[in-house]
N, C-alpha and C. Protein backbone atom coordinates (compact mmCIF):
# COMPACT_ATOMS: atom_id res chain seq x y z
N UNK A 1 -15.73 -1.51 -1.99
CA UNK A 1 -16.17 -2.47 -1.21
C UNK A 1 -17.44 -2.81 -2.03
N UNK A 2 -17.85 -3.61 -3.28
CA UNK A 2 -18.55 -3.99 -3.90
C UNK A 2 -17.85 -5.14 -4.08
N UNK A 3 -16.24 -5.35 -3.87
CA UNK A 3 -15.55 -6.19 -5.31
C UNK A 3 -15.30 -6.47 -3.23
N UNK A 4 -14.94 -6.70 -2.19
CA UNK A 4 -15.08 -7.15 -1.03
C UNK A 4 -16.38 -8.45 -0.93
N UNK A 5 -17.76 -7.41 -0.58
CA UNK A 5 -19.16 -8.19 -0.75
C UNK A 5 -18.54 -9.29 -2.05
N UNK A 6 -18.21 -9.03 -3.27
CA UNK A 6 -18.36 -10.11 -4.12
C UNK A 6 -17.77 -11.16 -3.69
N UNK A 7 -16.35 -11.43 -3.17
CA UNK A 7 -15.69 -12.10 -3.17
C UNK A 7 -14.73 -12.81 -1.89
N UNK A 8 -16.32 -11.84 -0.98
CA UNK A 8 -16.08 -12.25 0.97
C UNK A 8 -14.76 -11.30 1.21
N UNK A 9 -14.43 -10.62 0.66
CA UNK A 9 -13.18 -10.63 1.56
C UNK A 9 -13.02 -9.31 2.52
N UNK A 10 -12.21 -9.86 3.68
CA UNK A 10 -12.37 -8.57 4.61
C UNK A 10 -11.21 -7.46 4.58
N UNK A 11 -11.95 -6.17 4.34
CA UNK A 11 -10.81 -4.68 4.65
C UNK A 11 -10.35 -4.22 5.62
N UNK A 12 -9.54 -4.24 5.61
CA UNK A 12 -8.21 -3.50 6.39
C UNK A 12 -8.49 -1.92 6.38
N UNK A 13 -8.65 -1.31 7.79
CA UNK A 13 -8.18 0.21 7.38
C UNK A 13 -6.88 -0.13 8.09
N UNK A 14 -6.59 0.89 7.07
CA UNK A 14 -5.04 1.60 7.01
C UNK A 14 -4.59 3.04 7.24
N UNK A 15 -4.58 3.75 8.12
CA UNK A 15 -4.19 4.94 9.01
C UNK A 15 -3.26 5.29 8.65
N UNK A 16 -2.56 6.32 7.55
CA UNK A 16 -0.64 7.16 7.53
C UNK A 16 -1.06 8.58 7.84
N UNK A 17 0.13 8.66 9.20
CA UNK A 17 0.23 9.89 10.01
C UNK A 17 1.41 10.49 9.71
N UNK A 18 1.43 11.71 9.05
CA UNK A 18 3.03 11.52 8.78
C UNK A 18 3.44 12.53 7.60
N UNK A 19 3.05 11.51 6.47
CA UNK A 19 3.00 12.79 5.14
C UNK A 19 2.72 13.90 4.81
N UNK A 20 1.80 14.04 5.58
CA UNK A 20 0.83 15.32 5.38
C UNK A 20 2.79 16.53 4.93
N UNK A 21 2.98 16.05 6.37
CA UNK A 21 4.16 17.17 6.36
C UNK A 21 5.00 16.97 5.66
N UNK A 22 5.10 15.91 4.58
CA UNK A 22 6.69 15.69 4.09
C UNK A 22 6.78 17.08 4.04
N UNK A 23 6.29 17.88 2.60
CA UNK A 23 5.84 19.10 0.89
C UNK A 23 4.66 19.62 2.41
N UNK A 24 4.19 20.43 3.03
CA UNK A 24 3.08 21.25 3.42
C UNK A 24 3.10 21.59 1.98
N UNK A 25 1.41 21.85 1.74
CA UNK A 25 1.52 22.95 0.66
C UNK A 25 0.29 24.81 0.99
N UNK A 26 0.66 25.50 -0.07
CA UNK A 26 0.04 26.18 0.74
C UNK A 26 -0.73 27.02 -0.55
N UNK A 27 -0.44 26.55 -1.47
CA UNK A 27 -1.36 27.13 -2.83
C UNK A 27 -1.44 25.82 -3.97
N UNK A 28 -2.15 25.37 -4.38
CA UNK A 28 -2.60 24.69 -5.89
C UNK A 28 -2.02 25.23 -7.34
N UNK A 29 -1.82 25.38 -7.76
CA UNK A 29 -1.51 26.18 -9.43
C UNK A 29 -2.18 25.08 -10.57
N UNK A 30 -3.77 24.95 -9.72
CA UNK A 30 -4.47 24.30 -11.48
C UNK A 30 -3.97 24.79 -12.44
N UNK A 31 -3.69 26.09 -12.83
CA UNK A 31 -3.86 25.42 -14.75
C UNK A 31 -2.71 25.19 -14.48
N UNK A 32 -1.42 25.57 -13.84
CA UNK A 32 -0.12 24.63 -14.87
C UNK A 32 -0.16 23.62 -14.82
N UNK A 33 -0.43 22.65 -13.40
CA UNK A 33 -1.27 21.23 -13.47
C UNK A 33 -1.99 20.47 -14.55
N UNK A 34 -3.46 21.64 -14.96
CA UNK A 34 -4.15 20.65 -16.10
C UNK A 34 -3.17 21.26 -17.50
N UNK A 35 -2.24 22.23 -17.68
CA UNK A 35 -1.07 22.58 -18.55
C UNK A 35 -0.49 21.05 -18.98
N UNK A 36 0.11 20.81 -17.53
CA UNK A 36 1.09 19.33 -17.52
C UNK A 36 0.64 18.03 -16.76
N UNK A 37 -0.60 18.08 -17.52
CA UNK A 37 -1.68 16.64 -17.02
C UNK A 37 -1.86 16.16 -15.69
N UNK A 38 -1.06 16.81 -14.87
CA UNK A 38 -1.27 16.57 -13.43
C UNK A 38 -2.59 17.41 -12.82
N UNK A 39 -2.85 15.83 -11.29
CA UNK A 39 -4.27 16.58 -11.07
C UNK A 39 -3.62 17.57 -9.78
N UNK A 40 -2.64 17.83 -10.04
CA UNK A 40 -2.07 19.32 -8.46
C UNK A 40 -1.22 19.22 -9.41
N UNK A 41 -0.95 20.94 -8.61
CA UNK A 41 0.57 21.36 -9.10
C UNK A 41 1.39 21.87 -7.39
N UNK A 42 1.35 21.26 -6.01
CA UNK A 42 1.18 22.22 -5.36
C UNK A 42 2.55 23.15 -4.93
N UNK A 43 2.13 24.19 -4.97
CA UNK A 43 3.27 24.96 -3.64
C UNK A 43 3.30 24.53 -2.78
N UNK A 44 4.66 24.84 -2.32
CA UNK A 44 4.95 24.81 -0.68
C UNK A 44 5.65 25.46 -0.17
N UNK A 45 5.54 25.73 1.23
CA UNK A 45 6.36 26.06 2.47
C UNK A 45 7.69 26.56 1.24
N UNK A 46 9.01 25.45 0.97
CA UNK A 46 10.22 25.50 0.64
C UNK A 46 10.40 25.96 -1.00
N UNK A 47 9.37 25.37 -1.67
CA UNK A 47 9.33 25.63 -3.53
C UNK A 47 8.34 25.87 -3.91
N UNK A 48 8.71 27.63 -4.71
CA UNK A 48 9.51 27.61 -4.99
C UNK A 48 10.97 28.33 -5.27
N UNK A 49 10.42 28.99 -3.71
CA UNK A 49 11.84 30.32 -2.95
C UNK A 49 13.03 29.52 -3.07
N UNK A 50 12.78 28.19 -2.45
CA UNK A 50 14.70 27.56 -2.65
C UNK A 50 15.09 26.79 -3.51
N UNK A 51 14.58 27.09 -4.81
CA UNK A 51 14.72 26.07 -5.91
C UNK A 51 14.68 24.58 -6.23
N UNK A 52 15.73 24.14 -6.56
CA UNK A 52 15.31 22.55 -5.98
C UNK A 52 15.64 22.01 -4.92
N UNK A 53 16.40 23.09 -4.27
CA UNK A 53 16.20 22.79 -2.84
C UNK A 53 15.45 22.33 -1.58
N UNK A 54 14.41 23.20 -2.11
CA UNK A 54 12.96 23.45 -1.92
C UNK A 54 12.13 22.70 -2.11
N UNK A 55 12.20 21.25 -3.76
CA UNK A 55 11.76 20.38 -3.91
C UNK A 55 11.78 19.43 -2.95
N UNK A 56 13.39 19.02 -2.34
CA UNK A 56 12.96 17.92 -0.49
C UNK A 56 12.41 18.34 0.03
N UNK A 57 11.55 17.18 0.02
CA UNK A 57 10.79 16.95 1.31
C UNK A 57 11.42 16.89 2.67
N UNK A 58 10.77 17.35 3.46
CA UNK A 58 10.95 17.10 5.16
C UNK A 58 11.28 16.18 5.97
N UNK A 59 11.95 16.25 6.63
CA UNK A 59 12.75 14.73 7.40
C UNK A 59 11.45 14.18 8.22
N UNK A 60 10.45 13.61 8.04
CA UNK A 60 9.56 13.90 8.98
C UNK A 60 9.25 12.04 9.15
N UNK A 61 8.44 11.96 10.28
CA UNK A 61 8.60 9.89 10.89
C UNK A 61 6.77 10.18 10.95
N UNK A 62 6.69 8.95 9.57
CA UNK A 62 5.79 8.58 9.02
C UNK A 62 4.83 7.37 9.93
N UNK A 63 4.47 7.36 10.74
CA UNK A 63 3.31 6.11 11.61
C UNK A 63 2.48 5.87 10.70
N UNK A 64 2.41 4.90 10.74
CA UNK A 64 1.04 3.40 9.92
C UNK A 64 0.62 2.41 10.74
N UNK A 65 -0.71 2.62 11.11
CA UNK A 65 -1.98 2.03 11.76
C UNK A 65 -2.85 0.79 10.90
N UNK A 66 -2.67 -0.15 11.51
CA UNK A 66 -3.66 -1.26 11.03
C UNK A 66 -4.76 -1.44 11.52
N UNK A 67 -5.60 -1.51 11.11
CA UNK A 67 -6.57 -1.01 11.97
C UNK A 67 -7.37 -3.03 11.43
N UNK A 68 -8.59 -3.49 12.50
CA UNK A 68 -9.09 -4.52 12.24
C UNK A 68 -9.67 -5.12 11.32
N UNK A 69 -9.73 -6.61 10.86
CA UNK A 69 -10.51 -6.37 9.18
C UNK A 69 -12.01 -6.51 9.09
N UNK A 70 -12.45 -6.06 8.90
CA UNK A 70 -13.94 -5.93 8.72
C UNK A 70 -14.56 -6.13 7.45
N UNK A 71 -15.38 -7.34 7.58
CA UNK A 71 -16.13 -8.35 6.61
C UNK A 71 -17.47 -7.46 6.89
N UNK A 72 -17.18 -7.76 5.21
CA UNK A 72 -19.25 -6.84 5.09
C UNK A 72 -20.01 -8.33 4.89
N UNK A 73 -21.47 -8.33 4.56
CA UNK A 73 -22.36 -9.30 4.34
C UNK A 73 -23.15 -7.70 3.71
N UNK A 74 -23.55 -8.82 2.31
CA UNK A 74 -24.37 -8.43 1.89
C UNK A 74 -24.37 -8.52 0.03
N UNK A 75 -25.24 -8.02 -0.53
CA UNK A 75 -25.04 -7.82 -2.53
C UNK A 75 -24.84 -7.17 -2.47
N UNK A 76 -22.80 -7.82 -3.59
CA UNK A 76 -22.76 -6.25 -4.35
C UNK A 76 -23.50 -5.41 -5.41
N UNK A 77 -24.42 -5.89 -5.98
CA UNK A 77 -25.21 -5.26 -7.00
C UNK A 77 -26.47 -4.68 -5.91
N UNK A 78 -25.97 -4.09 -4.74
CA UNK A 78 -26.87 -3.74 -3.86
C UNK A 78 -26.86 -1.89 -4.42
N UNK A 79 -28.07 -1.17 -4.36
CA UNK A 79 -28.27 0.11 -4.79
C UNK A 79 -26.43 1.24 -3.97
N UNK A 80 -26.00 2.00 -4.29
CA UNK A 80 -24.57 2.73 -3.89
C UNK A 80 -24.76 3.07 -3.19
N UNK A 81 -26.36 3.03 -2.96
CA UNK A 81 -26.55 4.44 -1.02
C UNK A 81 -27.07 3.46 0.07
N UNK A 82 -27.21 2.09 0.05
CA UNK A 82 -26.45 0.85 0.57
C UNK A 82 -24.82 0.52 0.96
N UNK A 83 -24.46 0.65 -0.25
CA UNK A 83 -23.36 0.34 -0.62
C UNK A 83 -22.20 1.45 0.22
N UNK A 84 -22.99 2.25 0.14
CA UNK A 84 -22.00 3.59 0.68
C UNK A 84 -22.02 3.59 2.29
N UNK A 85 -23.17 3.31 2.50
CA UNK A 85 -23.02 3.18 4.22
C UNK A 85 -22.48 2.65 4.80
N UNK A 86 -21.73 1.13 4.10
CA UNK A 86 -20.49 0.36 4.45
C UNK A 86 -19.14 0.80 4.08
N UNK A 87 -19.26 1.72 3.41
CA UNK A 87 -17.85 2.70 2.69
C UNK A 87 -17.69 3.61 4.03
N UNK A 88 -19.18 4.46 4.39
CA UNK A 88 -18.69 5.88 5.99
C UNK A 88 -18.43 4.94 6.94
N UNK A 89 -18.25 3.33 6.89
CA UNK A 89 -18.50 3.04 7.87
C UNK A 89 -16.11 2.59 8.59
N UNK A 90 -16.48 2.50 7.40
CA UNK A 90 -14.50 2.12 7.04
C UNK A 90 -14.06 3.73 7.41
N UNK A 91 -14.46 4.37 6.80
CA UNK A 91 -13.68 5.78 6.61
C UNK A 91 -14.53 6.54 8.07
N UNK A 92 -15.35 6.30 8.68
CA UNK A 92 -15.10 6.31 10.08
C UNK A 92 -14.51 5.49 11.09
N UNK A 93 -13.94 4.87 10.64
CA UNK A 93 -13.35 3.49 11.31
C UNK A 93 -11.38 4.26 10.63
N UNK A 94 -11.08 4.87 10.07
CA UNK A 94 -10.07 5.29 9.73
C UNK A 94 -10.01 6.88 9.82
N UNK A 95 -10.49 7.34 10.17
CA UNK A 95 -10.68 8.72 10.72
C UNK A 95 -10.41 8.42 12.63
N UNK A 96 -11.04 8.36 12.60
CA UNK A 96 -10.90 7.22 14.48
C UNK A 96 -9.38 7.05 14.50
N UNK A 97 -8.93 6.31 13.57
CA UNK A 97 -7.33 5.56 13.75
C UNK A 97 -6.42 7.07 13.91
N UNK A 98 -6.68 7.80 12.07
CA UNK A 98 -5.90 9.22 12.42
C UNK A 98 -5.92 10.26 13.52
N UNK A 99 -7.01 10.26 13.71
CA UNK A 99 -7.40 11.25 15.18
C UNK A 99 -6.54 10.76 16.45
N UNK A 100 -6.16 9.39 16.60
CA UNK A 100 -5.76 8.41 17.10
C UNK A 100 -4.17 8.60 17.64
N UNK A 101 -3.98 8.85 16.07
CA UNK A 101 -2.31 8.29 15.92
C UNK A 101 -1.56 9.79 15.69
N UNK A 102 -2.63 11.19 15.37
CA UNK A 102 -2.45 12.62 15.81
C UNK A 102 -2.35 12.85 16.85
N UNK A 103 -2.84 11.92 18.27
CA UNK A 103 -2.89 12.46 19.70
C UNK A 103 -1.91 11.79 20.20
N UNK A 104 -1.21 10.86 19.71
CA UNK A 104 -0.32 9.97 20.14
C UNK A 104 0.90 10.87 19.71
N UNK A 105 0.60 11.27 18.48
CA UNK A 105 2.29 12.18 17.76
C UNK A 105 2.96 12.81 19.31
N UNK A 106 4.27 13.33 19.44
CA UNK A 106 4.96 13.92 19.80
C UNK A 106 5.68 14.72 18.83
N UNK A 107 5.64 14.90 17.75
CA UNK A 107 6.18 16.11 17.22
C UNK A 107 6.55 16.04 15.73
N UNK A 108 6.34 16.80 14.30
CA UNK A 108 6.33 16.27 13.18
C UNK A 108 7.76 14.91 12.88
N UNK A 109 8.73 15.48 13.04
CA UNK A 109 9.68 14.59 13.31
C UNK A 109 10.50 13.71 13.91
N UNK A 110 9.64 13.24 15.15
CA UNK A 110 10.24 12.27 15.41
C UNK A 110 8.69 11.25 15.82
């Protein structure tokens, strides 16, 4: 947000529906993730039980939604609280786009 304010650049909200079902995680094995230097190590519905076959992603359809560009005015050096309010506006717009995208989806795979 600070960079957008400094350069007078609009922010284009983007929502992606479908990626969360590609590999549905049922657990996160953090000790192994830390050992491997990874942010997470998900255990999915099919991996490790199906071996390498279980590591393949499910065939889901991604839907990408682009919102209207939003310009913000203000000082990029404002307090975090002021900047945070602008960020929350963008997050709210993305949340609305996600909800609308999920409502329009007929199934996970089509």
